[in-house]
Amino acid sequence: MIEMKVLGIALDANNNNIPIVVLVDEKRKRVLPIWVGFFEAQSILLALEHIPVPRPLSHDLMCDIINKLEGKVTYIYISTLKENTYYAKINLKKGNQNLEIDSRPSDAIAVALRENVAIFVSEPIINMASKPKQPIDEEEVKRFKEKLKDLSPRDFYE
């Protein structure tokens, strides 16, 4: 397992501006792009930037439930890549019991950022899907931030 951090969010200009969570290893030599949904990207970005919201988002709710049930998120693990789909696990501890919850990587990352726990990726995924680190395209960041300006907290609620 390799520990990684969220470097940021980018938009895939070649694919309808689908958001990409960019993970980077501790030595900042490899990046791992993970395509996610727009709302998941927003949730990750809000957690990454510590932006408060007036009402809990789904990932805030997940963390609150875990904590109220006296569980603790210990780390998340992006474990598998099958047919261009990543699979992840959220690892919890409740008392003496260790639990592993199946998750989408985007949900696991959003939870990890809220709970301030490590994000691990399996070595085979790093070897197969990561790329040497390149500078973030500032134009992509600018476009994403412009889209975020058009949003309000009400956009997150039904």
N, C-alpha and C. Protein backbone atom coordinates (compact mmCIF):
# COMPACT_ATOMS: atom_id res chain seq x y z
N MET A 1 0.84 -1.18 0.00
CA MET A 1 0.00 0.00 0.00
C MET A 1 0.89 1.24 0.00
N ILE A 2 0.51 2.19 -0.84
CA ILE A 2 1.23 3.45 -0.95
C ILE A 2 0.30 4.56 -0.44
N GLU A 3 0.80 5.38 0.48
CA GLU A 3 -0.02 6.50 0.96
C GLU A 3 0.01 7.62 -0.07
N MET A 4 -1.16 8.19 -0.32
CA MET A 4 -1.28 9.29 -1.26
C MET A 4 -2.11 10.40 -0.62
N LYS A 5 -2.00 11.58 -1.17
CA LYS A 5 -2.76 12.75 -0.72
C LYS A 5 -3.53 13.30 -1.91
N VAL A 6 -4.58 14.06 -1.62
CA VAL A 6 -5.32 14.72 -2.69
C VAL A 6 -4.53 15.97 -3.08
N LEU A 7 -4.07 15.99 -4.31
CA LEU A 7 -3.35 17.15 -4.83
C LEU A 7 -4.34 18.23 -5.24
N GLY A 8 -5.47 17.80 -5.79
CA GLY A 8 -6.48 18.76 -6.22
C GLY A 8 -7.50 18.11 -7.12
N ILE A 9 -8.32 18.96 -7.71
CA ILE A 9 -9.35 18.51 -8.65
C ILE A 9 -9.05 19.19 -9.98
N ALA A 10 -9.15 18.42 -11.04
CA ALA A 10 -8.97 18.96 -12.40
C ALA A 10 -10.21 18.59 -13.21
N LEU A 11 -10.32 19.19 -14.37
CA LEU A 11 -11.41 18.86 -15.28
C LEU A 11 -10.82 18.24 -16.53
N ASP A 12 -11.44 17.17 -17.00
CA ASP A 12 -10.99 16.49 -18.21
C ASP A 12 -11.57 17.22 -19.42
N ALA A 13 -10.79 18.12 -19.99
CA ALA A 13 -11.24 18.93 -21.12
C ALA A 13 -11.58 18.08 -22.34
N ASN A 14 -11.03 16.89 -22.41
CA ASN A 14 -11.30 16.00 -23.55
C ASN A 14 -12.54 15.15 -23.35
N ASN A 15 -13.17 15.25 -22.18
CA ASN A 15 -14.28 14.36 -21.86
C ASN A 15 -15.38 15.12 -21.12
N ASN A 16 -15.95 16.13 -21.76
CA ASN A 16 -17.07 16.91 -21.20
C ASN A 16 -16.77 17.51 -19.83
N ASN A 17 -15.52 17.86 -19.59
CA ASN A 17 -15.12 18.48 -18.32
C ASN A 17 -15.48 17.64 -17.10
N ILE A 18 -15.41 16.33 -17.23
CA ILE A 18 -15.64 15.45 -16.09
C ILE A 18 -14.54 15.70 -15.06
N PRO A 19 -14.92 15.86 -13.78
CA PRO A 19 -13.92 16.11 -12.75
C PRO A 19 -13.01 14.90 -12.52
N ILE A 20 -11.77 15.22 -12.19
CA ILE A 20 -10.76 14.20 -11.88
C ILE A 20 -10.16 14.57 -10.53
N VAL A 21 -10.20 13.63 -9.59
CA VAL A 21 -9.46 13.81 -8.33
C VAL A 21 -8.04 13.35 -8.63
N VAL A 22 -7.08 14.20 -8.31
CA VAL A 22 -5.68 13.89 -8.57
C VAL A 22 -5.01 13.56 -7.25
N LEU A 23 -4.57 12.32 -7.12
CA LEU A 23 -3.83 11.89 -5.93
C LEU A 23 -2.34 11.94 -6.25
N VAL A 24 -1.54 12.23 -5.24
CA VAL A 24 -0.10 12.28 -5.41
C VAL A 24 0.55 11.51 -4.26
N ASP A 25 1.65 10.82 -4.56
CA ASP A 25 2.35 10.08 -3.52
C ASP A 25 3.15 11.04 -2.64
N GLU A 26 3.60 10.53 -1.50
CA GLU A 26 4.31 11.36 -0.52
C GLU A 26 5.55 12.04 -1.10
N LYS A 27 6.25 11.35 -1.97
CA LYS A 27 7.47 11.92 -2.56
C LYS A 27 7.14 12.83 -3.74
N ARG A 28 5.84 12.92 -4.06
CA ARG A 28 5.33 13.77 -5.12
C ARG A 28 5.95 13.44 -6.48
N LYS A 29 6.16 12.15 -6.69
CA LYS A 29 6.72 11.71 -7.97
C LYS A 29 5.68 11.11 -8.90
N ARG A 30 4.60 10.57 -8.35
CA ARG A 30 3.57 9.92 -9.17
C ARG A 30 2.22 10.52 -8.85
N VAL A 31 1.39 10.64 -9.87
CA VAL A 31 0.01 11.09 -9.67
C VAL A 31 -0.93 10.01 -10.17
N LEU A 32 -2.06 9.92 -9.52
CA LEU A 32 -3.09 8.96 -9.91
C LEU A 32 -4.38 9.72 -10.15
N PRO A 33 -4.85 9.77 -11.41
CA PRO A 33 -6.11 10.45 -11.69
C PRO A 33 -7.28 9.49 -11.49
N ILE A 34 -8.33 9.99 -10.83
CA ILE A 34 -9.54 9.20 -10.63
C ILE A 34 -10.73 10.06 -11.07
N TRP A 35 -11.41 9.63 -12.12
CA TRP A 35 -12.57 10.36 -12.62
C TRP A 35 -13.73 10.14 -11.66
N VAL A 36 -14.42 11.23 -11.32
CA VAL A 36 -15.52 11.18 -10.35
C VAL A 36 -16.69 12.01 -10.89
N GLY A 37 -17.82 11.90 -10.22
CA GLY A 37 -18.98 12.71 -10.57
C GLY A 37 -18.81 14.15 -10.09
N PHE A 38 -19.60 15.05 -10.68
CA PHE A 38 -19.48 16.46 -10.35
C PHE A 38 -19.81 16.74 -8.88
N PHE A 39 -20.88 16.14 -8.37
CA PHE A 39 -21.26 16.40 -6.98
C PHE A 39 -20.24 15.81 -6.01
N GLU A 40 -19.66 14.66 -6.35
CA GLU A 40 -18.63 14.07 -5.50
C GLU A 40 -17.39 14.97 -5.49
N ALA A 41 -17.06 15.52 -6.66
CA ALA A 41 -15.91 16.43 -6.75
C ALA A 41 -16.14 17.67 -5.89
N GLN A 42 -17.36 18.19 -5.92
CA GLN A 42 -17.68 19.35 -5.09
C GLN A 42 -17.53 19.02 -3.61
N SER A 43 -18.02 17.86 -3.22
CA SER A 43 -17.94 17.45 -1.83
C SER A 43 -16.48 17.30 -1.39
N ILE A 44 -15.66 16.71 -2.27
CA ILE A 44 -14.23 16.55 -1.98
C ILE A 44 -13.57 17.92 -1.87
N LEU A 45 -13.88 18.81 -2.79
CA LEU A 45 -13.28 20.14 -2.78
C LEU A 45 -13.69 20.94 -1.55
N LEU A 46 -14.95 20.84 -1.16
CA LEU A 46 -15.41 21.53 0.06
C LEU A 46 -14.64 21.03 1.28
N ALA A 47 -14.42 19.72 1.37
CA ALA A 47 -13.66 19.16 2.50
C ALA A 47 -12.19 19.56 2.41
N LEU A 48 -11.64 19.52 1.22
CA LEU A 48 -10.23 19.86 1.01
C LEU A 48 -9.95 21.31 1.41
N GLU A 49 -10.88 22.19 1.09
CA GLU A 49 -10.72 23.61 1.37
C GLU A 49 -11.33 24.04 2.71
N HIS A 50 -11.90 23.07 3.45
CA HIS A 50 -12.52 23.34 4.75
C HIS A 50 -13.61 24.42 4.65
N ILE A 51 -14.44 24.30 3.63
CA ILE A 51 -15.53 25.25 3.42
C ILE A 51 -16.77 24.73 4.13
N PRO A 52 -17.31 25.51 5.07
CA PRO A 52 -18.50 25.05 5.79
C PRO A 52 -19.76 25.13 4.91
N VAL A 53 -20.68 24.23 5.16
CA VAL A 53 -21.98 24.25 4.48
C VAL A 53 -23.06 24.34 5.56
N PRO A 54 -24.20 24.97 5.24
CA PRO A 54 -25.21 25.17 6.27
C PRO A 54 -25.88 23.88 6.75
N ARG A 55 -25.94 22.89 5.90
CA ARG A 55 -26.56 21.61 6.26
C ARG A 55 -25.60 20.50 5.82
N PRO A 56 -25.63 19.35 6.50
CA PRO A 56 -24.68 18.28 6.15
C PRO A 56 -24.93 17.71 4.76
N LEU A 57 -23.83 17.48 4.05
CA LEU A 57 -23.87 16.75 2.78
C LEU A 57 -23.86 15.25 3.10
N SER A 58 -24.04 14.43 2.09
CA SER A 58 -24.07 12.97 2.30
C SER A 58 -22.83 12.46 3.03
N HIS A 59 -21.66 12.99 2.65
CA HIS A 59 -20.42 12.51 3.28
C HIS A 59 -20.30 12.99 4.72
N ASP A 60 -20.82 14.18 5.00
CA ASP A 60 -20.87 14.65 6.39
C ASP A 60 -21.78 13.73 7.21
N LEU A 61 -22.90 13.37 6.61
CA LEU A 61 -23.86 12.47 7.27
C LEU A 61 -23.21 11.12 7.56
N MET A 62 -22.49 10.57 6.58
CA MET A 62 -21.82 9.28 6.79
C MET A 62 -20.86 9.36 7.98
N CYS A 63 -20.06 10.41 8.02
CA CYS A 63 -19.10 10.57 9.12
C CYS A 63 -19.81 10.74 10.46
N ASP A 64 -20.89 11.50 10.45
CA ASP A 64 -21.64 11.72 11.69
C ASP A 64 -22.24 10.41 12.21
N ILE A 65 -22.79 9.60 11.31
CA ILE A 65 -23.36 8.30 11.72
C ILE A 65 -22.27 7.42 12.32
N ILE A 66 -21.14 7.33 11.64
CA ILE A 66 -20.03 6.50 12.14
C ILE A 66 -19.61 6.96 13.53
N ASN A 67 -19.44 8.27 13.69
CA ASN A 67 -19.00 8.81 14.99
C ASN A 67 -20.05 8.63 16.08
N LYS A 68 -21.31 8.82 15.75
CA LYS A 68 -22.38 8.66 16.75
C LYS A 68 -22.53 7.20 17.18
N LEU A 69 -22.16 6.28 16.30
CA LEU A 69 -22.19 4.86 16.65
C LEU A 69 -20.88 4.42 17.30
N GLU A 70 -20.06 5.41 17.68
CA GLU A 70 -18.79 5.19 18.36
C GLU A 70 -17.78 4.42 17.52
N GLY A 71 -17.87 4.61 16.22
CA GLY A 71 -16.87 4.05 15.32
C GLY A 71 -15.85 5.12 14.98
N LYS A 72 -14.76 4.69 14.38
CA LYS A 72 -13.72 5.63 13.96
C LYS A 72 -13.19 5.17 12.61
N VAL A 73 -13.17 6.09 11.66
CA VAL A 73 -12.55 5.79 10.37
C VAL A 73 -11.05 5.78 10.60
N THR A 74 -10.38 4.69 10.21
CA THR A 74 -8.93 4.60 10.44
C THR A 74 -8.13 4.94 9.18
N TYR A 75 -8.61 4.53 8.02
CA TYR A 75 -7.98 4.88 6.74
C TYR A 75 -8.89 4.42 5.62
N ILE A 76 -8.59 4.88 4.41
CA ILE A 76 -9.29 4.35 3.24
C ILE A 76 -8.24 3.72 2.32
N TYR A 77 -8.72 2.80 1.48
CA TYR A 77 -7.81 2.02 0.65
C TYR A 77 -8.43 1.83 -0.73
N ILE A 78 -7.79 2.37 -1.74
CA ILE A 78 -8.21 2.13 -3.12
C ILE A 78 -7.53 0.84 -3.52
N SER A 79 -8.33 -0.20 -3.61
CA SER A 79 -7.80 -1.56 -3.62
C SER A 79 -7.69 -2.21 -4.99
N THR A 80 -8.61 -1.90 -5.88
CA THR A 80 -8.72 -2.67 -7.12
C THR A 80 -9.07 -1.75 -8.29
N LEU A 81 -8.62 -2.15 -9.47
CA LEU A 81 -9.01 -1.51 -10.72
C LEU A 81 -9.45 -2.61 -11.67
N LYS A 82 -10.76 -2.63 -11.98
CA LYS A 82 -11.31 -3.65 -12.89
C LYS A 82 -12.10 -2.94 -13.98
N GLU A 83 -11.78 -3.24 -15.21
CA GLU A 83 -12.51 -2.70 -16.36
C GLU A 83 -12.68 -1.18 -16.24
N ASN A 84 -11.59 -0.50 -15.95
CA ASN A 84 -11.56 0.96 -15.83
C ASN A 84 -12.39 1.51 -14.67
N THR A 85 -12.71 0.68 -13.70
CA THR A 85 -13.45 1.12 -12.52
C THR A 85 -12.61 0.83 -11.28
N TYR A 86 -12.42 1.88 -10.47
CA TYR A 86 -11.70 1.71 -9.21
C TYR A 86 -12.67 1.25 -8.13
N TYR A 87 -12.14 0.47 -7.19
CA TYR A 87 -12.89 0.01 -6.02
C TYR A 87 -12.11 0.43 -4.78
N ALA A 88 -12.85 0.79 -3.74
CA ALA A 88 -12.19 1.25 -2.52
C ALA A 88 -12.84 0.63 -1.29
N LYS A 89 -12.17 0.77 -0.18
CA LYS A 89 -12.65 0.29 1.12
C LYS A 89 -12.47 1.42 2.13
N ILE A 90 -13.46 1.57 2.98
CA ILE A 90 -13.34 2.47 4.13
C ILE A 90 -13.12 1.56 5.33
N ASN A 91 -12.00 1.74 6.01
CA ASN A 91 -11.68 0.91 7.17
C ASN A 91 -12.07 1.64 8.44
N LEU A 92 -12.84 0.92 9.27
CA LEU A 92 -13.38 1.47 10.51
C LEU A 92 -12.92 0.63 11.69
N LYS A 93 -12.90 1.27 12.83
CA LYS A 93 -12.66 0.55 14.08
C LYS A 93 -13.79 0.90 15.03
N LYS A 94 -14.39 -0.12 15.62
CA LYS A 94 -15.42 0.07 16.64
C LYS A 94 -15.07 -0.86 17.78
N GLY A 95 -14.61 -0.28 18.87
CA GLY A 95 -14.13 -1.11 19.97
C GLY A 95 -12.93 -1.91 19.51
N ASN A 96 -13.00 -3.23 19.69
CA ASN A 96 -11.92 -4.11 19.25
C ASN A 96 -12.14 -4.64 17.84
N GLN A 97 -13.22 -4.25 17.22
CA GLN A 97 -13.59 -4.79 15.91
C GLN A 97 -13.11 -3.87 14.78
N ASN A 98 -12.47 -4.47 13.78
CA ASN A 98 -12.09 -3.75 12.57
C ASN A 98 -13.08 -4.11 11.48
N LEU A 99 -13.59 -3.10 10.80
CA LEU A 99 -14.58 -3.30 9.75
C LEU A 99 -14.06 -2.72 8.45
N GLU A 100 -14.43 -3.35 7.35
CA GLU A 100 -14.05 -2.88 6.03
C GLU A 100 -15.33 -2.70 5.22
N ILE A 101 -15.60 -1.47 4.78
CA ILE A 101 -16.82 -1.14 4.07
C ILE A 101 -16.49 -0.88 2.61
N ASP A 102 -17.19 -1.58 1.70
CA ASP A 102 -17.01 -1.37 0.27
C ASP A 102 -17.47 0.04 -0.09
N SER A 103 -16.75 0.71 -0.98
CA SER A 103 -17.05 2.10 -1.29
C SER A 103 -16.57 2.47 -2.68
N ARG A 104 -17.18 3.49 -3.23
CA ARG A 104 -16.61 4.12 -4.42
C ARG A 104 -15.42 4.95 -3.94
N PRO A 105 -14.37 5.06 -4.73
CA PRO A 105 -13.23 5.87 -4.30
C PRO A 105 -13.61 7.31 -3.97
N SER A 106 -14.51 7.90 -4.75
CA SER A 106 -14.89 9.30 -4.49
C SER A 106 -15.51 9.45 -3.11
N ASP A 107 -16.37 8.52 -2.72
CA ASP A 107 -16.99 8.58 -1.39
C ASP A 107 -15.94 8.36 -0.30
N ALA A 108 -15.07 7.39 -0.52
CA ALA A 108 -14.03 7.09 0.46
C ALA A 108 -13.09 8.29 0.64
N ILE A 109 -12.72 8.94 -0.46
CA ILE A 109 -11.84 10.11 -0.38
C ILE A 109 -12.53 11.25 0.36
N ALA A 110 -13.81 11.48 0.06
CA ALA A 110 -14.56 12.54 0.74
C ALA A 110 -14.62 12.28 2.25
N VAL A 111 -14.81 11.03 2.64
CA VAL A 111 -14.83 10.66 4.06
C VAL A 111 -13.44 10.84 4.67
N ALA A 112 -12.41 10.38 3.97
CA ALA A 112 -11.03 10.48 4.48
C ALA A 112 -10.65 11.94 4.75
N LEU A 113 -11.03 12.83 3.86
CA LEU A 113 -10.71 14.24 4.06
C LEU A 113 -11.44 14.82 5.26
N ARG A 114 -12.69 14.41 5.44
CA ARG A 114 -13.46 14.92 6.58
C ARG A 114 -12.94 14.36 7.91
N GLU A 115 -12.46 13.14 7.88
CA GLU A 115 -11.98 12.49 9.11
C GLU A 115 -10.47 12.61 9.29
N ASN A 116 -9.81 13.25 8.32
CA ASN A 116 -8.37 13.47 8.38
C ASN A 116 -7.59 12.17 8.58
N VAL A 117 -7.89 11.18 7.72
CA VAL A 117 -7.20 9.89 7.78
C VAL A 117 -6.46 9.64 6.48
N ALA A 118 -5.57 8.67 6.51
CA ALA A 118 -4.72 8.36 5.36
C ALA A 118 -5.52 7.75 4.21
N ILE A 119 -5.04 8.05 3.01
CA ILE A 119 -5.56 7.47 1.77
C ILE A 119 -4.46 6.57 1.23
N PHE A 120 -4.75 5.27 1.12
CA PHE A 120 -3.79 4.33 0.58
C PHE A 120 -4.27 3.80 -0.76
N VAL A 121 -3.32 3.47 -1.63
CA VAL A 121 -3.62 2.89 -2.93
C VAL A 121 -2.75 1.65 -3.09
N SER A 122 -3.34 0.59 -3.64
CA SER A 122 -2.56 -0.64 -3.82
C SER A 122 -1.43 -0.41 -4.82
N GLU A 123 -0.32 -1.08 -4.58
CA GLU A 123 0.84 -0.94 -5.47
C GLU A 123 0.53 -1.34 -6.91
N PRO A 124 -0.23 -2.43 -7.15
CA PRO A 124 -0.54 -2.76 -8.55
C PRO A 124 -1.28 -1.63 -9.27
N ILE A 125 -2.17 -0.92 -8.57
CA ILE A 125 -2.85 0.22 -9.21
C ILE A 125 -1.85 1.32 -9.52
N ILE A 126 -0.97 1.61 -8.58
CA ILE A 126 0.05 2.64 -8.81
C ILE A 126 0.87 2.27 -10.04
N ASN A 127 1.28 1.02 -10.13
CA ASN A 127 2.10 0.58 -11.25
C ASN A 127 1.34 0.62 -12.58
N MET A 128 0.05 0.36 -12.52
CA MET A 128 -0.76 0.26 -13.73
C MET A 128 -1.32 1.60 -14.19
N ALA A 129 -1.77 2.43 -13.25
CA ALA A 129 -2.58 3.58 -13.63
C ALA A 129 -2.00 4.95 -13.29
N SER A 130 -0.93 5.00 -12.52
CA SER A 130 -0.39 6.31 -12.16
C SER A 130 0.51 6.83 -13.28
N LYS A 131 0.79 8.12 -13.20
CA LYS A 131 1.63 8.77 -14.20
C LYS A 131 2.69 9.60 -13.47
N PRO A 132 3.82 9.86 -14.14
CA PRO A 132 4.78 10.77 -13.53
C PRO A 132 4.12 12.13 -13.31
N LYS A 133 4.47 12.77 -12.20
CA LYS A 133 3.83 14.05 -11.86
C LYS A 133 4.19 15.12 -12.88
N GLN A 134 3.16 15.87 -13.28
CA GLN A 134 3.33 17.01 -14.17
C GLN A 134 2.63 18.19 -13.52
N PRO A 135 3.01 19.40 -13.89
CA PRO A 135 2.34 20.56 -13.29
C PRO A 135 0.84 20.55 -13.58
N ILE A 136 0.05 21.05 -12.62
CA ILE A 136 -1.39 21.16 -12.83
C ILE A 136 -1.64 22.26 -13.85
N ASP A 137 -2.54 21.99 -14.76
CA ASP A 137 -2.93 22.96 -15.77
C ASP A 137 -3.76 24.05 -15.10
N GLU A 138 -3.19 25.22 -14.96
CA GLU A 138 -3.87 26.32 -14.26
C GLU A 138 -5.17 26.72 -14.95
N GLU A 139 -5.24 26.54 -16.25
CA GLU A 139 -6.47 26.87 -16.98
C GLU A 139 -7.61 25.95 -16.54
N GLU A 140 -7.31 24.67 -16.32
CA GLU A 140 -8.32 23.74 -15.83
C GLU A 140 -8.81 24.14 -14.44
N VAL A 141 -7.89 24.51 -13.59
CA VAL A 141 -8.24 24.93 -12.24
C VAL A 141 -9.13 26.17 -12.31
N LYS A 142 -8.77 27.11 -13.17
CA LYS A 142 -9.55 28.34 -13.32
C LYS A 142 -10.97 28.02 -13.78
N ARG A 143 -11.12 27.14 -14.78
CA ARG A 143 -12.46 26.78 -15.28
C ARG A 143 -13.29 26.14 -14.17
N PHE A 144 -12.67 25.24 -13.39
CA PHE A 144 -13.41 24.57 -12.32
C PHE A 144 -13.85 25.58 -11.26
N LYS A 145 -12.98 26.49 -10.89
CA LYS A 145 -13.33 27.50 -9.89
C LYS A 145 -14.45 28.40 -10.40
N GLU A 146 -14.45 28.70 -11.69
CA GLU A 146 -15.53 29.50 -12.27
C GLU A 146 -16.87 28.77 -12.15
N LYS A 147 -16.86 27.47 -12.41
CA LYS A 147 -18.09 26.69 -12.27
C LYS A 147 -18.57 26.70 -10.82
N LEU A 148 -17.63 26.61 -9.88
CA LEU A 148 -18.00 26.61 -8.47
C LEU A 148 -18.63 27.93 -8.05
N LYS A 149 -18.22 29.03 -8.66
CA LYS A 149 -18.79 30.33 -8.31
C LYS A 149 -20.28 30.40 -8.62
N ASP A 150 -20.72 29.62 -9.60
CA ASP A 150 -22.13 29.62 -9.98
C ASP A 150 -22.99 28.77 -9.05
N LEU A 151 -22.38 28.10 -8.11
CA LEU A 151 -23.11 27.22 -7.20
C LEU A 151 -23.41 27.92 -5.89
N SER A 152 -24.47 27.48 -5.27
CA SER A 152 -24.77 27.93 -3.92
C SER A 152 -24.98 26.69 -3.07
N PRO A 153 -24.91 26.81 -1.75
CA PRO A 153 -25.15 25.64 -0.90
C PRO A 153 -26.49 24.97 -1.17
N ARG A 154 -27.47 25.74 -1.64
CA ARG A 154 -28.79 25.16 -1.94
C ARG A 154 -28.72 24.13 -3.07
N ASP A 155 -27.71 24.23 -3.93
CA ASP A 155 -27.57 23.27 -5.03
C ASP A 155 -27.29 21.86 -4.53
N PHE A 156 -26.90 21.72 -3.26
CA PHE A 156 -26.56 20.42 -2.70
C PHE A 156 -27.74 19.75 -2.02
N TYR A 157 -28.85 20.43 -1.91
CA TYR A 157 -29.98 19.89 -1.16
C TYR A 157 -31.16 19.66 -2.05
N GLU A 158 -31.94 18.65 -1.67
CA GLU A 158 -33.13 18.31 -2.44
C GLU A 158 -34.31 19.11 -1.95
